[in-house]
């Protein structure tokens, strides 16, 4: 895929994300405590996971790249937290109850405005497959992490059948055809587990833990009542399995 077409796909994915969160903000009004409780649970789980490898000082510098509307950073519980997201300004407007708990910066993950070796902890939770350059973001995550600092990374991974379908979708969109399939319009790529692992090849990190939630994704698909043929397909060809990695910079 050309750089121009990847840029167009990333721009469209960002537009769709904002449209989705604008709709969601209307349903959040009056139910903020429910969302806060869910965010607190997610943040605690990740912090506990990281602390199983290394104690986290209360003054540790932590950043979440792709902090989004409901990121881990907002209730991570550290004094020096920063969220980075291209839509940071819009999210602060839509979700002020928690977005304004920390400093957020509107920036793309491929070009982070920080020096090398700046942060003790870097978080990136299900972001890179919506972006122009997944590998470029991963390189930046490692660049800004201090030696011996901890990286927490996730991305949804899929059976190769979805990678092929996503590539086909990209071709007809590049040809100017108006037909758009939402799951493929929301992503620039559908990574396989092997593709996700390749993002880290050659980088100065030591992988501390890795989990591919393939079985969980299949079981989840089997338990849900099928709404259409695509849901039945997921029972065999898994989709949206969580690839989770914890690493230490060497």
Protein backbone atom coordinates (compact mmCIF):
# COMPACT_ATOMS: atom_id res chain seq x y z
CA UNK A 1 0.00 0.00 0.00
CA UNK A 2 1.37 3.42 -0.92
CA UNK A 3 2.18 6.00 1.76
CA UNK A 4 -0.52 8.27 0.32
CA UNK A 5 -3.21 5.59 0.54
CA UNK A 6 -2.15 4.61 4.06
CA UNK A 7 -2.38 8.27 5.05
CA UNK A 8 -5.90 8.46 3.61
CA UNK A 9 -6.95 5.33 5.50
CA UNK A 10 -5.51 6.64 8.76
CA UNK A 11 -7.31 9.95 8.27
CA UNK A 12 -10.59 8.16 7.61
CA UNK A 13 -10.14 5.91 10.66
CA UNK A 14 -9.58 9.01 12.79
CA UNK A 15 -12.70 10.67 11.40
CA UNK A 16 -14.78 7.60 12.16
CA UNK A 17 -13.37 7.39 15.68
CA UNK A 18 -14.36 10.97 16.42
CA UNK A 19 -17.85 10.40 15.02
CA UNK A 20 -18.23 7.32 17.24
CA UNK A 21 -17.02 9.10 20.38
CA UNK A 22 -19.27 12.09 19.75
CA UNK A 23 -22.24 9.71 19.70
CA UNK A 24 -20.94 7.92 22.77
CA UNK A 25 -20.53 11.15 24.75
CA UNK A 26 -24.28 11.67 24.61
CA UNK A 27 -24.91 8.29 26.23
CA UNK A 28 -22.23 8.89 28.89
CA UNK A 29 -23.96 11.98 30.30
CA UNK A 30 -25.32 11.12 33.74
CA UNK A 31 -23.53 7.78 33.81
CA UNK A 32 -19.97 9.00 34.35
CA UNK A 33 -19.42 6.94 37.57
CA UNK A 34 -20.00 3.70 35.65
CA UNK A 35 -17.37 4.61 33.08
CA UNK A 36 -14.94 5.80 35.73
CA UNK A 37 -15.29 2.51 37.63
CA UNK A 38 -14.54 0.52 34.46
CA UNK A 39 -11.52 2.71 33.70
CA UNK A 40 -10.23 2.31 37.25
CA UNK A 41 -10.43 -1.49 36.97
CA UNK A 42 -8.58 -1.53 33.65
CA UNK A 43 -5.86 0.81 34.90
CA UNK A 44 -5.38 -1.18 38.12
CA UNK A 45 -5.06 -4.45 36.22
CA UNK A 46 -2.33 -3.05 33.97
CA UNK A 47 -0.50 -1.34 36.83
CA UNK A 48 -0.59 -4.55 38.88
CA UNK A 49 0.76 -6.47 35.89
CA UNK A 50 3.65 -4.04 35.46
CA UNK A 51 4.41 -4.06 39.18
CA UNK A 52 4.69 -7.85 39.07
CA UNK A 53 7.92 -7.23 37.13
CA UNK A 54 9.19 -4.06 38.78
CA UNK A 55 8.01 -1.74 41.59
CA UNK A 56 6.62 1.54 40.29
CA UNK A 57 7.67 4.69 42.11
CA UNK A 58 4.89 7.21 42.74
CA UNK A 59 6.99 9.83 40.91
CA UNK A 60 7.56 7.67 37.84
CA UNK A 61 7.05 9.47 34.54
CA UNK A 62 4.33 7.67 32.58
CA UNK A 63 2.86 8.35 29.16
CA UNK A 64 0.04 6.72 27.24
CA UNK A 65 0.42 6.99 23.48
CA UNK A 66 -3.08 6.88 22.05
CA UNK A 67 -4.82 7.71 25.32
CA UNK A 68 -8.09 8.05 23.43
CA UNK A 69 -11.41 8.77 25.05
CA UNK A 70 -11.10 6.31 27.95
CA UNK A 71 -7.41 5.51 28.27
CA UNK A 72 -5.46 3.78 31.01
CA UNK A 73 -3.59 6.93 31.98
CA UNK A 74 -6.50 8.80 33.53
CA UNK A 75 -6.70 6.52 36.56
CA UNK A 76 -3.20 5.04 36.56
CA UNK A 77 -2.53 6.76 39.88
CA UNK A 78 0.81 8.47 39.27
CA UNK A 79 1.71 12.13 39.71
CA UNK A 80 3.44 12.60 36.37
CA UNK A 81 1.11 11.26 33.71
CA UNK A 82 0.67 12.46 30.13
CA UNK A 83 -1.78 11.35 27.46
CA UNK A 84 -1.01 11.66 23.75
CA UNK A 85 -3.73 11.44 21.11
CA UNK A 86 -4.43 13.19 17.79
CA UNK A 87 -7.97 13.89 19.09
CA UNK A 88 -6.91 15.08 22.56
CA UNK A 89 -8.58 18.48 22.23
CA UNK A 90 -11.87 16.96 21.09
CA UNK A 91 -11.82 14.33 23.85
CA UNK A 92 -11.21 16.96 26.52
CA UNK A 93 -14.38 18.65 25.31
CA UNK A 94 -16.42 15.44 25.10
CA UNK A 95 -15.29 13.76 28.33
CA UNK A 96 -14.14 16.48 30.75
CA UNK A 97 -14.92 14.39 33.86
CA UNK A 98 -11.69 12.44 33.43
CA UNK A 99 -9.82 13.88 30.46
CA UNK A 100 -8.83 16.92 32.51
CA UNK A 101 -7.38 14.87 35.36
CA UNK A 102 -4.03 14.84 33.55
CA UNK A 103 -2.21 16.74 30.83
CA UNK A 104 -3.05 15.60 27.31
CA UNK A 105 -1.27 16.58 24.11
CA UNK A 106 -2.66 16.49 20.57
CA UNK A 107 0.00 14.62 18.60
CA UNK A 108 0.45 11.58 16.39
CA UNK A 109 2.27 8.55 17.75
CA UNK A 110 4.63 8.40 14.79
CA UNK A 111 6.12 11.79 15.76
CA UNK A 112 6.18 12.12 19.53
CA UNK A 113 7.36 15.54 20.79
CA UNK A 114 9.70 14.14 23.47
CA UNK A 115 13.41 13.49 23.76
CA UNK A 116 14.95 10.04 23.85
CA UNK A 117 14.84 8.22 27.20
CA UNK A 118 12.22 10.46 28.81
CA UNK A 119 9.64 8.13 30.41
CA UNK A 120 9.82 5.36 33.02
CA UNK A 121 6.63 3.71 31.73
CA UNK A 122 5.10 3.81 28.27
CA UNK A 123 1.56 2.55 27.63
CA UNK A 124 -0.04 1.89 24.24
CA UNK A 125 -3.38 0.09 24.38
CA UNK A 126 -5.03 -1.03 21.12
CA UNK A 127 -3.87 1.89 19.01
CA UNK A 128 -1.39 1.07 16.26
CA UNK A 129 -3.76 -0.73 13.87
CA UNK A 130 -5.73 2.52 13.49
CA UNK A 131 -2.64 4.55 12.58
CA UNK A 132 -0.65 5.35 9.47
CA UNK A 133 2.50 3.53 10.57
CA UNK A 134 2.21 0.85 13.29
CA UNK A 135 5.95 0.13 13.12
CA UNK A 136 6.74 3.86 13.32
CA UNK A 137 4.70 4.18 16.51
CA UNK A 138 6.36 1.16 18.12
CA UNK A 139 9.79 2.60 17.34
CA UNK A 140 8.75 5.85 19.02
CA UNK A 141 7.44 4.01 22.09
CA UNK A 142 10.83 2.42 22.60
CA UNK A 143 12.76 5.59 21.77
CA UNK A 144 11.13 7.67 24.53
CA UNK A 145 11.40 4.88 27.15
CA UNK A 146 14.35 5.03 29.55
CA UNK A 147 16.74 2.06 29.80
CA UNK A 148 15.16 -0.56 32.11
CA UNK A 149 11.83 1.26 31.73
CA UNK A 150 8.64 -0.75 31.18
CA UNK A 151 6.49 -0.88 28.06
CA UNK A 152 2.88 -2.10 28.08
CA UNK A 153 1.49 -2.72 24.61
CA UNK A 154 -1.67 -4.28 23.18
CA UNK A 155 -3.23 -4.56 19.76
CA UNK A 156 -6.10 -6.63 18.42
CA UNK A 157 -4.91 -9.45 16.18
CA UNK A 158 -6.87 -11.51 13.70
CA UNK A 159 -6.80 -14.62 11.55
CA UNK A 160 -5.08 -14.13 8.19
CA UNK A 161 -8.45 -14.21 6.40
CA UNK A 162 -9.19 -10.75 7.79
CA UNK A 163 -5.80 -9.41 6.72
CA UNK A 164 -6.60 -10.50 3.17
CA UNK A 165 -10.07 -8.97 3.33
CA UNK A 166 -8.64 -5.73 4.71
CA UNK A 167 -6.11 -5.58 1.88
CA UNK A 168 -8.89 -6.06 -0.66
CA UNK A 169 -10.91 -3.29 0.99
CA UNK A 170 -7.89 -0.98 0.74
CA UNK A 171 -7.53 -1.72 -2.97
CA UNK A 172 -11.09 -0.86 -3.89
CA UNK A 173 -11.07 2.26 -1.71
CA UNK A 174 -7.84 3.37 -3.40
CA UNK A 175 -9.58 2.82 -6.74
CA UNK A 176 -12.23 5.32 -5.66
CA UNK A 177 -15.11 2.93 -5.05
CA UNK A 178 -17.52 4.39 -2.46
CA UNK A 179 -18.49 1.11 -0.76
CA UNK A 180 -17.11 1.03 2.78
CA UNK A 181 -17.07 -1.83 5.32
CA UNK A 182 -16.95 -0.31 8.82
CA UNK A 183 -14.46 -2.74 10.49
CA UNK A 184 -11.99 -2.18 7.67
CA UNK A 185 -12.63 1.56 7.46
CA UNK A 186 -11.80 1.85 11.19
CA UNK A 187 -8.36 0.28 10.76
CA UNK A 188 -5.34 0.78 8.55
CA UNK A 189 -4.32 -2.85 8.96
CA UNK A 190 -5.55 -6.13 10.43
CA UNK A 191 -2.49 -7.60 12.13
CA UNK A 192 -1.93 -11.30 12.66
CA UNK A 193 -0.09 -12.41 15.84
CA UNK A 194 3.07 -12.88 13.77
CA UNK A 195 2.63 -9.40 12.30
CA UNK A 196 2.27 -7.89 15.77
CA UNK A 197 5.46 -9.62 16.96
CA UNK A 198 7.38 -8.38 13.92
CA UNK A 199 6.74 -4.78 15.01
CA UNK A 200 9.31 -5.32 17.78
CA UNK A 201 12.01 -7.10 15.80
CA UNK A 202 15.40 -5.44 16.07
CA UNK A 203 14.37 -3.05 18.84
CA UNK A 204 16.37 -2.80 22.10
CA UNK A 205 13.85 -4.52 24.36
CA UNK A 206 13.55 -7.65 26.44
CA UNK A 207 10.09 -9.21 26.31
CA UNK A 208 8.93 -10.02 29.85
CA UNK A 209 5.52 -11.45 29.00
CA UNK A 210 3.41 -12.03 25.92
CA UNK A 211 -0.15 -13.26 25.58
CA UNK A 212 -2.24 -13.91 22.48
CA UNK A 213 -5.90 -14.13 23.42
CA UNK A 214 -6.89 -16.31 20.48
CA UNK A 215 -8.74 -18.95 22.48
CA UNK A 216 -10.58 -16.29 24.47
CA UNK A 217 -11.68 -14.59 21.23
CA UNK A 218 -13.02 -17.86 19.83
CA UNK A 219 -14.88 -18.67 23.05
CA UNK A 220 -16.35 -15.17 23.16
CA UNK A 221 -17.63 -15.57 19.60
CA UNK A 222 -19.19 -18.95 20.41
CA UNK A 223 -21.07 -17.56 23.42
CA UNK A 224 -22.61 -14.58 21.62
CA UNK A 225 -25.80 -15.10 19.61
CA UNK A 226 -24.83 -14.69 15.93
CA UNK A 227 -26.29 -11.57 14.34
CA UNK A 228 -25.02 -12.35 10.85
CA UNK A 229 -22.69 -14.61 8.90
CA UNK A 230 -19.66 -12.63 10.06
CA UNK A 231 -20.34 -13.60 13.69
CA UNK A 232 -20.43 -17.28 12.72
CA UNK A 233 -17.15 -16.83 10.85
CA UNK A 234 -15.49 -15.52 14.03
CA UNK A 235 -16.15 -18.84 15.76
CA UNK A 236 -13.67 -20.50 13.42
CA UNK A 237 -11.50 -17.67 12.12
CA UNK A 238 -10.84 -15.64 15.25
CA UNK A 239 -11.12 -11.86 15.23
CA UNK A 240 -10.19 -9.20 17.82
CA UNK A 241 -7.92 -11.39 19.91
CA UNK A 242 -5.86 -9.27 22.28
CA UNK A 243 -2.10 -9.46 21.76
CA UNK A 244 -0.61 -8.18 25.01
CA UNK A 245 3.08 -7.58 25.59
CA UNK A 246 5.16 -6.30 28.51
CA UNK A 247 8.77 -5.45 27.76
CA UNK A 248 11.78 -3.78 29.34
CA UNK A 249 14.13 -1.52 27.40
CA UNK A 250 17.66 -2.79 27.29
